[in-house]
């Protein structure tokens, strides 16, 4: 929790701009509300893998739910590979080859895996060398996930276009990336928390 709060603070300008763009649009209000209440990257799940290999030909392809509209993955231990089919394929064209992106200890990435098929490859490892990753997603209310206020996670829709455009602009800026909090930023958030 402390790390996600530090990430919000370190990237307040980026998410503030995205919030303003979404809030001003008709289709982006649900995601704007999530950002307003700082619920991005607040739904955490820890994934642990050990034992047999999951090779590239046996990966389990899937598309995430709406809570992965803004998703950050943190590699804590070991190595795993994200296989991603991020290009939209039109009818009549051959299927695209997946990208294979390796994630190692200390690596982090931000993506929108509710908008594209992906799967994870794991090497064979022992319990002592287990692979650990944390998935940080949107913390959605039941209505945002299933109900009237449901997020528009259509990969070709207006909300997706705004998110993609903001992330693309970010990659072209001088810093070129989101900022991960340093130890001092994490300590500052801890100091604000009640004992």
N, C-alpha and C. Protein backbone atom coordinates (compact mmCIF):
# COMPACT_ATOMS: atom_id res chain seq x y z
N UNK A 1 0.83 -1.19 0.00
CA UNK A 1 0.00 0.00 0.00
C UNK A 1 0.87 1.24 0.00
N UNK A 2 1.93 1.22 0.81
CA UNK A 2 2.81 2.38 0.88
C UNK A 2 3.45 2.64 -0.48
N UNK A 3 3.87 1.57 -1.17
CA UNK A 3 4.50 1.74 -2.48
C UNK A 3 3.52 2.33 -3.49
N UNK A 4 2.26 1.89 -3.47
CA UNK A 4 1.30 2.44 -4.43
C UNK A 4 1.00 3.90 -4.11
N UNK A 5 0.89 4.26 -2.84
CA UNK A 5 0.66 5.66 -2.50
C UNK A 5 1.86 6.52 -2.90
N UNK A 6 3.06 5.99 -2.75
CA UNK A 6 4.25 6.72 -3.17
C UNK A 6 4.27 6.89 -4.68
N UNK A 7 3.83 5.86 -5.41
CA UNK A 7 3.78 5.93 -6.87
C UNK A 7 2.80 7.00 -7.31
N UNK A 8 1.64 7.10 -6.62
CA UNK A 8 0.68 8.16 -6.96
C UNK A 8 1.35 9.52 -6.82
N UNK A 9 2.02 9.74 -5.67
CA UNK A 9 2.64 11.03 -5.41
C UNK A 9 3.72 11.37 -6.41
N UNK A 10 4.56 10.39 -6.73
CA UNK A 10 5.67 10.62 -7.65
C UNK A 10 5.19 10.93 -9.06
N UNK A 11 3.97 10.52 -9.38
CA UNK A 11 3.43 10.70 -10.73
C UNK A 11 2.14 11.52 -10.73
N UNK A 12 1.98 12.37 -9.72
CA UNK A 12 0.75 13.14 -9.57
C UNK A 12 0.42 13.97 -10.80
N UNK A 13 1.41 14.57 -11.42
CA UNK A 13 1.14 15.40 -12.60
C UNK A 13 0.62 14.56 -13.76
N UNK A 14 1.23 13.41 -14.00
CA UNK A 14 0.80 12.53 -15.10
C UNK A 14 -0.65 12.10 -14.90
N UNK A 15 -0.95 11.59 -13.70
CA UNK A 15 -2.30 11.10 -13.45
C UNK A 15 -3.30 12.24 -13.31
N UNK A 16 -2.83 13.41 -12.86
CA UNK A 16 -3.71 14.58 -12.81
C UNK A 16 -4.14 15.02 -14.20
N UNK A 17 -3.20 15.01 -15.15
CA UNK A 17 -3.54 15.37 -16.53
C UNK A 17 -4.49 14.35 -17.14
N UNK A 18 -4.23 13.07 -16.90
CA UNK A 18 -5.12 12.03 -17.43
C UNK A 18 -6.51 12.16 -16.81
N UNK A 19 -6.57 12.44 -15.51
CA UNK A 19 -7.86 12.63 -14.83
C UNK A 19 -8.64 13.78 -15.48
N UNK A 20 -7.97 14.90 -15.73
CA UNK A 20 -8.64 16.07 -16.32
C UNK A 20 -9.19 15.73 -17.71
N UNK A 21 -8.41 15.02 -18.52
CA UNK A 21 -8.86 14.65 -19.86
C UNK A 21 -10.08 13.72 -19.79
N UNK A 22 -10.02 12.74 -18.89
CA UNK A 22 -11.12 11.79 -18.76
C UNK A 22 -12.37 12.46 -18.21
N UNK A 23 -12.22 13.32 -17.21
CA UNK A 23 -13.36 13.99 -16.59
C UNK A 23 -14.08 14.90 -17.58
N UNK A 24 -13.35 15.45 -18.53
CA UNK A 24 -13.95 16.35 -19.52
C UNK A 24 -14.66 15.61 -20.65
N UNK A 25 -14.49 14.31 -20.71
CA UNK A 25 -15.11 13.53 -21.79
C UNK A 25 -16.36 12.83 -21.27
N UNK A 26 -17.25 12.49 -22.18
CA UNK A 26 -18.48 11.81 -21.75
C UNK A 26 -18.23 10.37 -21.35
N UNK A 27 -17.33 9.66 -22.04
CA UNK A 27 -17.12 8.25 -21.75
C UNK A 27 -16.07 7.95 -20.70
N UNK A 28 -15.31 8.96 -20.29
CA UNK A 28 -14.21 8.72 -19.38
C UNK A 28 -14.47 9.00 -17.92
N UNK A 29 -15.71 9.38 -17.58
CA UNK A 29 -16.00 9.80 -16.21
C UNK A 29 -15.77 8.69 -15.18
N UNK A 30 -16.09 7.45 -15.52
CA UNK A 30 -15.91 6.35 -14.56
C UNK A 30 -14.44 6.17 -14.20
N UNK A 31 -13.56 6.17 -15.20
CA UNK A 31 -12.13 6.05 -14.91
C UNK A 31 -11.61 7.30 -14.22
N UNK A 32 -12.13 8.47 -14.58
CA UNK A 32 -11.73 9.71 -13.91
C UNK A 32 -12.05 9.64 -12.42
N UNK A 33 -13.20 9.07 -12.06
CA UNK A 33 -13.57 8.92 -10.65
C UNK A 33 -12.59 8.01 -9.91
N UNK A 34 -12.14 6.95 -10.57
CA UNK A 34 -11.17 6.03 -9.96
C UNK A 34 -9.87 6.78 -9.68
N UNK A 35 -9.40 7.58 -10.64
CA UNK A 35 -8.18 8.35 -10.45
C UNK A 35 -8.35 9.42 -9.38
N UNK A 36 -9.53 10.05 -9.35
CA UNK A 36 -9.79 11.11 -8.36
C UNK A 36 -9.65 10.56 -6.94
N UNK A 37 -10.13 9.36 -6.71
CA UNK A 37 -10.05 8.80 -5.36
C UNK A 37 -8.77 8.00 -5.11
N UNK A 38 -7.81 8.15 -6.05
CA UNK A 38 -6.49 7.54 -5.96
C UNK A 38 -6.57 6.02 -5.77
N UNK A 39 -7.44 5.40 -6.56
CA UNK A 39 -7.61 3.94 -6.49
C UNK A 39 -6.84 3.23 -7.61
N UNK A 40 -6.02 3.97 -8.37
CA UNK A 40 -5.19 3.32 -9.37
C UNK A 40 -4.01 2.66 -8.68
N UNK A 41 -3.72 1.44 -9.09
CA UNK A 41 -2.66 0.60 -8.55
C UNK A 41 -2.93 0.19 -7.09
N UNK A 42 -4.17 0.28 -6.62
CA UNK A 42 -4.48 -0.01 -5.22
C UNK A 42 -5.04 -1.41 -4.99
N UNK A 43 -5.37 -2.14 -6.05
CA UNK A 43 -5.84 -3.53 -5.94
C UNK A 43 -4.62 -4.41 -6.20
N UNK A 44 -4.06 -4.99 -5.14
CA UNK A 44 -2.80 -5.72 -5.24
C UNK A 44 -3.02 -7.22 -5.20
N UNK A 45 -2.31 -7.93 -6.06
CA UNK A 45 -2.28 -9.39 -5.96
C UNK A 45 -0.84 -9.84 -6.15
N UNK A 46 -0.44 -10.80 -5.34
CA UNK A 46 0.91 -11.33 -5.39
C UNK A 46 0.84 -12.67 -6.13
N UNK A 47 1.67 -12.81 -7.15
CA UNK A 47 1.72 -14.06 -7.91
C UNK A 47 3.05 -14.74 -7.63
N UNK A 48 2.97 -16.02 -7.25
CA UNK A 48 4.16 -16.80 -6.92
C UNK A 48 4.16 -18.04 -7.81
N UNK A 49 5.29 -18.32 -8.44
CA UNK A 49 5.41 -19.53 -9.26
C UNK A 49 6.67 -20.28 -8.85
N UNK A 50 6.52 -21.60 -8.70
CA UNK A 50 7.67 -22.48 -8.53
C UNK A 50 7.27 -23.84 -9.09
N UNK A 51 8.26 -24.67 -9.33
CA UNK A 51 7.98 -26.00 -9.87
C UNK A 51 8.24 -26.05 -11.36
N UNK A 52 7.37 -26.77 -12.05
CA UNK A 52 7.57 -27.02 -13.48
C UNK A 52 7.51 -25.74 -14.31
N UNK A 53 8.22 -25.82 -15.43
CA UNK A 53 8.23 -24.73 -16.40
C UNK A 53 6.86 -24.59 -17.06
N UNK A 54 6.48 -23.36 -17.39
CA UNK A 54 5.35 -23.10 -18.28
C UNK A 54 5.98 -22.52 -19.54
N UNK A 55 6.26 -23.39 -20.56
CA UNK A 55 6.95 -22.92 -21.75
C UNK A 55 6.03 -22.09 -22.65
N UNK A 56 6.64 -21.39 -23.61
CA UNK A 56 5.88 -20.48 -24.46
C UNK A 56 4.74 -21.15 -25.20
N UNK A 57 4.89 -22.40 -25.58
CA UNK A 57 3.82 -23.08 -26.32
C UNK A 57 2.66 -23.51 -25.40
N UNK A 58 2.83 -23.43 -24.08
CA UNK A 58 1.78 -23.86 -23.15
C UNK A 58 1.20 -22.72 -22.30
N UNK A 59 1.53 -21.48 -22.62
CA UNK A 59 1.03 -20.37 -21.80
C UNK A 59 -0.48 -20.25 -21.92
N UNK A 60 -1.12 -19.74 -20.89
CA UNK A 60 -2.58 -19.58 -20.86
C UNK A 60 -2.99 -18.19 -21.30
N UNK A 61 -3.44 -18.06 -22.55
CA UNK A 61 -3.84 -16.76 -23.09
C UNK A 61 -5.13 -16.30 -22.46
N UNK A 62 -5.21 -15.00 -22.15
CA UNK A 62 -6.42 -14.42 -21.56
C UNK A 62 -6.40 -12.91 -21.73
N UNK A 63 -7.54 -12.30 -21.45
CA UNK A 63 -7.68 -10.84 -21.41
C UNK A 63 -8.20 -10.51 -20.01
N UNK A 64 -7.57 -9.55 -19.35
CA UNK A 64 -7.96 -9.19 -17.98
C UNK A 64 -9.30 -8.46 -17.95
N UNK A 65 -9.84 -8.32 -16.75
CA UNK A 65 -11.06 -7.55 -16.53
C UNK A 65 -10.78 -6.06 -16.48
N UNK A 66 -11.83 -5.30 -16.28
CA UNK A 66 -11.75 -3.83 -16.31
C UNK A 66 -10.81 -3.25 -15.26
N UNK A 67 -10.55 -3.98 -14.18
CA UNK A 67 -9.65 -3.44 -13.15
C UNK A 67 -8.19 -3.39 -13.63
N UNK A 68 -7.92 -3.93 -14.81
CA UNK A 68 -6.58 -3.84 -15.39
C UNK A 68 -6.49 -2.76 -16.46
N UNK A 69 -7.38 -1.78 -16.40
CA UNK A 69 -7.33 -0.69 -17.37
C UNK A 69 -6.05 0.12 -17.19
N UNK A 70 -5.62 0.31 -15.99
CA UNK A 70 -4.28 0.81 -15.69
C UNK A 70 -3.68 -0.23 -14.75
N UNK A 71 -2.60 -0.86 -15.19
CA UNK A 71 -2.05 -2.01 -14.49
C UNK A 71 -0.54 -1.84 -14.40
N UNK A 72 0.00 -2.08 -13.21
CA UNK A 72 1.45 -2.03 -13.03
C UNK A 72 1.90 -3.37 -12.48
N UNK A 73 2.92 -3.96 -13.09
CA UNK A 73 3.49 -5.22 -12.61
C UNK A 73 4.89 -4.96 -12.08
N UNK A 74 5.16 -5.49 -10.91
CA UNK A 74 6.46 -5.32 -10.26
C UNK A 74 7.12 -6.68 -10.12
N UNK A 75 8.32 -6.84 -10.63
CA UNK A 75 9.07 -8.09 -10.47
C UNK A 75 9.86 -8.04 -9.18
N UNK A 76 9.52 -8.92 -8.24
CA UNK A 76 10.21 -8.92 -6.96
C UNK A 76 11.32 -9.95 -6.88
N UNK A 77 11.13 -11.09 -7.56
CA UNK A 77 12.14 -12.15 -7.50
C UNK A 77 12.02 -13.02 -8.74
N UNK A 78 13.14 -13.40 -9.31
CA UNK A 78 13.14 -14.30 -10.46
C UNK A 78 12.81 -13.58 -11.75
N UNK A 79 12.55 -14.40 -12.78
CA UNK A 79 12.28 -13.88 -14.12
C UNK A 79 11.06 -14.57 -14.70
N UNK A 80 10.25 -13.80 -15.41
CA UNK A 80 9.08 -14.34 -16.11
C UNK A 80 8.94 -13.57 -17.41
N UNK A 81 8.20 -14.14 -18.35
CA UNK A 81 8.04 -13.48 -19.65
C UNK A 81 6.57 -13.21 -19.92
N UNK A 82 6.26 -11.97 -20.24
CA UNK A 82 4.91 -11.60 -20.66
C UNK A 82 4.84 -11.77 -22.17
N UNK A 83 3.91 -12.59 -22.63
CA UNK A 83 3.63 -12.74 -24.06
C UNK A 83 2.41 -11.86 -24.32
N UNK A 84 2.50 -10.97 -25.29
CA UNK A 84 1.43 -10.00 -25.51
C UNK A 84 1.09 -9.91 -27.00
N UNK A 85 -0.20 -9.91 -27.27
CA UNK A 85 -0.70 -9.64 -28.62
C UNK A 85 -1.41 -8.29 -28.54
N UNK A 86 -0.62 -7.21 -28.67
CA UNK A 86 -1.15 -5.86 -28.45
C UNK A 86 -1.62 -5.18 -29.70
N UNK A 87 -1.37 -5.75 -30.85
CA UNK A 87 -1.82 -5.13 -32.10
C UNK A 87 -3.23 -5.62 -32.41
N UNK A 88 -4.10 -4.70 -32.79
CA UNK A 88 -5.44 -5.07 -33.21
C UNK A 88 -5.35 -5.69 -34.60
N UNK A 89 -5.96 -6.86 -34.76
CA UNK A 89 -5.91 -7.56 -36.04
C UNK A 89 -7.27 -7.46 -36.70
N UNK A 90 -7.28 -7.02 -37.94
CA UNK A 90 -8.54 -6.90 -38.68
C UNK A 90 -8.89 -8.23 -39.31
N UNK A 91 -10.17 -8.43 -39.54
CA UNK A 91 -10.64 -9.65 -40.18
C UNK A 91 -9.92 -9.88 -41.49
N UNK A 92 -9.55 -11.13 -41.74
CA UNK A 92 -8.91 -11.48 -43.00
C UNK A 92 -7.40 -11.37 -42.97
N UNK A 93 -6.83 -10.78 -41.90
CA UNK A 93 -5.38 -10.69 -41.80
C UNK A 93 -4.86 -11.85 -40.96
N UNK A 94 -3.63 -12.22 -41.18
CA UNK A 94 -3.02 -13.29 -40.38
C UNK A 94 -2.86 -12.82 -38.94
N UNK A 95 -2.91 -13.78 -38.02
CA UNK A 95 -2.69 -13.45 -36.61
C UNK A 95 -1.29 -12.90 -36.42
N UNK A 96 -1.18 -11.96 -35.51
CA UNK A 96 0.13 -11.37 -35.26
C UNK A 96 0.95 -12.27 -34.34
N UNK A 97 2.24 -12.18 -34.46
CA UNK A 97 3.13 -12.90 -33.56
C UNK A 97 3.17 -12.14 -32.25
N UNK A 98 3.13 -12.85 -31.13
CA UNK A 98 3.17 -12.14 -29.85
C UNK A 98 4.55 -11.54 -29.58
N UNK A 99 4.52 -10.42 -28.87
CA UNK A 99 5.76 -9.86 -28.33
C UNK A 99 6.09 -10.66 -27.08
N UNK A 100 7.35 -10.84 -26.79
CA UNK A 100 7.78 -11.51 -25.57
C UNK A 100 8.64 -10.53 -24.80
N UNK A 101 8.16 -10.15 -23.62
CA UNK A 101 8.81 -9.14 -22.81
C UNK A 101 9.22 -9.77 -21.48
N UNK A 102 10.50 -9.91 -21.25
CA UNK A 102 10.99 -10.53 -20.02
C UNK A 102 10.98 -9.52 -18.88
N UNK A 103 10.53 -9.97 -17.73
CA UNK A 103 10.52 -9.15 -16.53
C UNK A 103 11.41 -9.81 -15.49
N UNK A 104 12.38 -9.06 -15.00
CA UNK A 104 13.31 -9.56 -13.99
C UNK A 104 13.06 -8.87 -12.67
N UNK A 105 13.78 -9.34 -11.68
CA UNK A 105 13.74 -8.74 -10.35
C UNK A 105 14.00 -7.24 -10.45
N UNK A 106 13.14 -6.43 -9.86
CA UNK A 106 13.31 -4.98 -9.89
C UNK A 106 12.68 -4.28 -11.08
N UNK A 107 12.22 -5.03 -12.08
CA UNK A 107 11.57 -4.43 -13.24
C UNK A 107 10.12 -4.09 -12.93
N UNK A 108 9.63 -3.05 -13.59
CA UNK A 108 8.22 -2.66 -13.47
C UNK A 108 7.74 -2.23 -14.85
N UNK A 109 6.47 -2.49 -15.11
CA UNK A 109 5.87 -1.98 -16.34
C UNK A 109 4.43 -1.60 -16.09
N UNK A 110 3.95 -0.64 -16.88
CA UNK A 110 2.56 -0.21 -16.84
C UNK A 110 1.94 -0.57 -18.17
N UNK A 111 0.75 -1.17 -18.13
CA UNK A 111 0.10 -1.58 -19.37
C UNK A 111 -1.42 -1.53 -19.19
N UNK A 112 -2.12 -1.96 -20.23
CA UNK A 112 -3.59 -1.98 -20.24
C UNK A 112 -4.04 -3.39 -20.67
N UNK A 113 -3.76 -4.42 -19.85
CA UNK A 113 -4.01 -5.80 -20.30
C UNK A 113 -5.48 -6.22 -20.35
N UNK A 114 -6.39 -5.30 -20.09
CA UNK A 114 -7.81 -5.61 -20.33
C UNK A 114 -8.15 -5.35 -21.79
N UNK A 115 -7.17 -4.86 -22.55
CA UNK A 115 -7.42 -4.50 -23.95
C UNK A 115 -6.67 -5.38 -24.94
N UNK A 116 -5.93 -6.37 -24.47
CA UNK A 116 -5.22 -7.25 -25.40
C UNK A 116 -4.98 -8.62 -24.76
N UNK A 117 -4.87 -9.63 -25.59
CA UNK A 117 -4.58 -10.99 -25.13
C UNK A 117 -3.12 -11.07 -24.68
N UNK A 118 -2.92 -11.77 -23.57
CA UNK A 118 -1.57 -11.93 -23.04
C UNK A 118 -1.49 -13.23 -22.24
N UNK A 119 -0.28 -13.64 -21.94
CA UNK A 119 -0.03 -14.87 -21.17
C UNK A 119 1.35 -14.74 -20.54
N UNK A 120 1.63 -15.61 -19.56
CA UNK A 120 2.91 -15.53 -18.86
C UNK A 120 3.65 -16.87 -18.96
N UNK A 121 4.91 -16.77 -19.31
CA UNK A 121 5.82 -17.92 -19.40
C UNK A 121 6.71 -17.92 -18.16
N UNK A 122 6.91 -19.11 -17.59
CA UNK A 122 7.76 -19.25 -16.41
C UNK A 122 8.80 -20.35 -16.64
N UNK A 123 10.04 -20.12 -16.23
CA UNK A 123 11.02 -21.21 -16.26
C UNK A 123 10.79 -22.14 -15.06
N UNK A 124 11.38 -23.32 -15.13
CA UNK A 124 11.31 -24.24 -13.99
C UNK A 124 12.19 -23.68 -12.88
N UNK A 125 11.66 -23.61 -11.67
CA UNK A 125 12.42 -23.11 -10.52
C UNK A 125 12.03 -23.87 -9.26
N UNK A 126 12.92 -23.88 -8.30
CA UNK A 126 12.64 -24.47 -6.99
C UNK A 126 11.93 -23.45 -6.11
N UNK A 127 11.40 -23.90 -4.99
CA UNK A 127 10.76 -22.99 -4.04
C UNK A 127 11.73 -21.91 -3.59
N UNK A 128 12.99 -22.27 -3.36
CA UNK A 128 13.99 -21.30 -2.91
C UNK A 128 14.23 -20.21 -3.97
N UNK A 129 14.04 -20.55 -5.23
CA UNK A 129 14.26 -19.60 -6.33
C UNK A 129 12.95 -19.16 -6.98
N UNK A 130 11.86 -19.28 -6.24
CA UNK A 130 10.52 -18.99 -6.78
C UNK A 130 10.45 -17.60 -7.41
N UNK A 131 9.52 -17.46 -8.32
CA UNK A 131 9.30 -16.21 -9.03
C UNK A 131 8.15 -15.49 -8.31
N UNK A 132 8.37 -14.23 -7.98
CA UNK A 132 7.36 -13.44 -7.27
C UNK A 132 7.15 -12.13 -8.02
N UNK A 133 5.89 -11.84 -8.32
CA UNK A 133 5.53 -10.58 -8.97
C UNK A 133 4.28 -10.03 -8.30
N UNK A 134 4.16 -8.73 -8.26
CA UNK A 134 2.97 -8.08 -7.70
C UNK A 134 2.25 -7.38 -8.84
N UNK A 135 0.95 -7.64 -8.94
CA UNK A 135 0.10 -6.99 -9.94
C UNK A 135 -0.69 -5.89 -9.22
N UNK A 136 -0.57 -4.67 -9.70
CA UNK A 136 -1.24 -3.51 -9.09
C UNK A 136 -2.28 -3.01 -10.09
N UNK A 137 -3.55 -3.15 -9.71
CA UNK A 137 -4.64 -2.82 -10.63
C UNK A 137 -5.52 -1.73 -10.03
N UNK A 138 -6.55 -1.35 -10.78
CA UNK A 138 -7.54 -0.39 -10.28
C UNK A 138 -8.38 -1.05 -9.19
N UNK A 139 -8.57 -0.35 -8.09
CA UNK A 139 -9.45 -0.83 -7.04
C UNK A 139 -10.85 -0.30 -7.35
N UNK A 140 -11.68 -1.15 -7.94
CA UNK A 140 -12.99 -0.74 -8.42
C UNK A 140 -14.09 -1.11 -7.43
N UNK A 141 -15.12 -0.29 -7.41
CA UNK A 141 -16.33 -0.66 -6.66
C UNK A 141 -17.09 -1.70 -7.48
N UNK A 142 -18.06 -2.33 -6.87
CA UNK A 142 -18.87 -3.32 -7.58
C UNK A 142 -19.59 -2.69 -8.77
N UNK A 143 -20.10 -1.46 -8.59
CA UNK A 143 -20.78 -0.77 -9.70
C UNK A 143 -19.83 -0.45 -10.84
N UNK A 144 -18.59 -0.07 -10.51
CA UNK A 144 -17.62 0.24 -11.56
C UNK A 144 -17.23 -1.02 -12.34
N UNK A 145 -17.21 -2.14 -11.65
CA UNK A 145 -16.82 -3.38 -12.31
C UNK A 145 -17.97 -4.01 -13.09
N UNK A 146 -19.18 -4.01 -12.48
CA UNK A 146 -20.29 -4.75 -13.07
C UNK A 146 -21.53 -3.92 -13.39
N UNK A 147 -21.67 -2.76 -12.77
CA UNK A 147 -22.96 -2.09 -12.78
C UNK A 147 -23.10 -0.92 -13.72
N UNK A 148 -23.94 0.00 -13.29
CA UNK A 148 -24.31 1.17 -14.07
C UNK A 148 -23.09 2.04 -14.39
N UNK A 149 -22.16 2.17 -13.44
CA UNK A 149 -20.99 3.02 -13.61
C UNK A 149 -19.82 2.26 -14.22
N UNK A 150 -20.11 1.16 -14.89
CA UNK A 150 -19.09 0.27 -15.42
C UNK A 150 -18.10 1.00 -16.33
N UNK A 151 -16.81 0.66 -16.16
CA UNK A 151 -15.78 1.25 -17.00
C UNK A 151 -15.92 0.77 -18.44
N UNK A 152 -15.69 1.68 -19.36
CA UNK A 152 -15.67 1.33 -20.78
C UNK A 152 -14.27 0.82 -21.10
N UNK A 153 -14.10 -0.51 -21.17
CA UNK A 153 -12.76 -1.03 -21.46
C UNK A 153 -12.66 -1.59 -22.88
N UNK A 154 -13.46 -1.05 -23.78
CA UNK A 154 -13.38 -1.40 -25.20
C UNK A 154 -12.03 -0.88 -25.72
N UNK A 155 -11.16 -1.79 -26.24
CA UNK A 155 -9.84 -1.35 -26.69
C UNK A 155 -9.90 -0.35 -27.84
N UNK A 156 -11.04 -0.25 -28.51
CA UNK A 156 -11.18 0.71 -29.61
C UNK A 156 -12.03 1.91 -29.21
N UNK A 157 -12.42 1.97 -27.94
CA UNK A 157 -13.31 3.03 -27.47
C UNK A 157 -12.58 4.31 -27.10
N UNK A 158 -13.37 5.32 -26.76
CA UNK A 158 -12.83 6.65 -26.46
C UNK A 158 -11.98 6.70 -25.21
N UNK A 159 -12.38 5.97 -24.15
CA UNK A 159 -11.59 5.97 -22.91
C UNK A 159 -10.22 5.38 -23.18
N UNK A 160 -10.19 4.25 -23.89
CA UNK A 160 -8.91 3.61 -24.22
C UNK A 160 -8.04 4.55 -25.04
N UNK A 161 -8.63 5.25 -25.98
CA UNK A 161 -7.86 6.17 -26.83
C UNK A 161 -7.19 7.25 -25.98
N UNK A 162 -7.90 7.77 -24.97
CA UNK A 162 -7.31 8.80 -24.11
C UNK A 162 -6.16 8.25 -23.28
N UNK A 163 -6.34 7.04 -22.74
CA UNK A 163 -5.28 6.42 -21.94
C UNK A 163 -4.07 6.13 -22.82
N UNK A 164 -4.29 5.52 -24.00
CA UNK A 164 -3.18 5.22 -24.89
C UNK A 164 -2.45 6.49 -25.30
N UNK A 165 -3.20 7.55 -25.63
CA UNK A 165 -2.58 8.80 -26.06
C UNK A 165 -1.73 9.40 -24.95
N UNK A 166 -2.25 9.36 -23.71
CA UNK A 166 -1.49 9.92 -22.58
C UNK A 166 -0.22 9.13 -22.35
N UNK A 167 -0.29 7.80 -22.39
CA UNK A 167 0.90 6.97 -22.19
C UNK A 167 1.89 7.18 -23.34
N UNK A 168 1.39 7.34 -24.57
CA UNK A 168 2.27 7.59 -25.72
C UNK A 168 2.97 8.94 -25.57
N UNK A 169 2.22 9.97 -25.14
CA UNK A 169 2.84 11.29 -24.93
C UNK A 169 3.92 11.20 -23.85
N UNK A 170 3.63 10.44 -22.80
CA UNK A 170 4.58 10.28 -21.71
C UNK A 170 5.88 9.68 -22.22
N UNK A 171 5.80 8.70 -23.12
CA UNK A 171 7.01 8.05 -23.63
C UNK A 171 7.84 9.00 -24.50
N UNK A 172 7.25 10.10 -24.98
CA UNK A 172 7.98 11.05 -25.82
C UNK A 172 8.50 12.24 -25.02
N UNK A 173 8.16 12.32 -23.74
CA UNK A 173 8.61 13.44 -22.92
C UNK A 173 10.05 13.21 -22.48
N UNK A 174 10.74 14.28 -22.05
CA UNK A 174 12.16 14.15 -21.68
C UNK A 174 12.45 13.03 -20.68
N UNK A 175 11.62 12.88 -19.64
CA UNK A 175 11.87 11.81 -18.66
C UNK A 175 11.54 10.46 -19.28
N UNK A 176 10.51 10.42 -20.14
CA UNK A 176 10.17 9.22 -20.88
C UNK A 176 9.59 8.08 -20.10
N UNK A 177 9.25 8.29 -18.86
CA UNK A 177 8.72 7.17 -18.08
C UNK A 177 8.02 7.65 -16.82
N UNK A 178 7.24 6.77 -16.26
CA UNK A 178 6.68 7.04 -14.94
C UNK A 178 7.82 6.93 -13.93
N UNK A 179 7.66 7.61 -12.83
CA UNK A 179 8.69 7.63 -11.80
C UNK A 179 8.34 6.63 -10.71
N UNK A 180 9.29 5.78 -10.38
CA UNK A 180 9.11 4.87 -9.26
C UNK A 180 9.58 5.61 -8.01
N UNK A 181 8.87 5.46 -6.91
CA UNK A 181 9.26 6.18 -5.69
C UNK A 181 10.59 5.66 -5.14
N UNK A 182 11.35 6.58 -4.56
CA UNK A 182 12.58 6.16 -3.89
C UNK A 182 12.27 5.92 -2.41
N UNK A 183 13.27 5.51 -1.67
CA UNK A 183 13.09 5.17 -0.26
C UNK A 183 12.58 6.37 0.53
N UNK A 184 13.06 7.58 0.22
CA UNK A 184 12.61 8.78 0.94
C UNK A 184 11.12 9.04 0.71
N UNK A 185 10.64 8.84 -0.52
CA UNK A 185 9.21 9.03 -0.80
C UNK A 185 8.37 8.01 -0.04
N UNK A 186 8.83 6.79 0.04
CA UNK A 186 8.10 5.76 0.79
C UNK A 186 8.09 6.10 2.27
N UNK A 187 9.22 6.56 2.80
CA UNK A 187 9.28 6.96 4.22
C UNK A 187 8.33 8.13 4.50
N UNK A 188 8.22 9.06 3.56
CA UNK A 188 7.32 10.21 3.74
C UNK A 188 5.86 9.74 3.84
N UNK A 189 5.47 8.78 3.00
CA UNK A 189 4.11 8.24 3.08
C UNK A 189 3.91 7.51 4.39
N UNK A 190 4.88 6.73 4.82
CA UNK A 190 4.78 6.02 6.10
C UNK A 190 4.62 7.00 7.26
N UNK A 191 5.31 8.12 7.21
CA UNK A 191 5.22 9.12 8.28
C UNK A 191 3.83 9.73 8.36
N UNK A 192 3.11 9.80 7.23
CA UNK A 192 1.75 10.37 7.22
C UNK A 192 0.70 9.39 7.73
N UNK A 193 1.03 8.10 7.76
CA UNK A 193 0.04 7.09 8.13
C UNK A 193 -0.11 7.04 9.65
N UNK A 194 -1.36 6.84 10.10
CA UNK A 194 -1.55 6.73 11.56
C UNK A 194 -0.86 5.47 12.09
N UNK A 195 -0.37 5.57 13.31
CA UNK A 195 0.35 4.44 13.92
C UNK A 195 -0.56 3.29 14.25
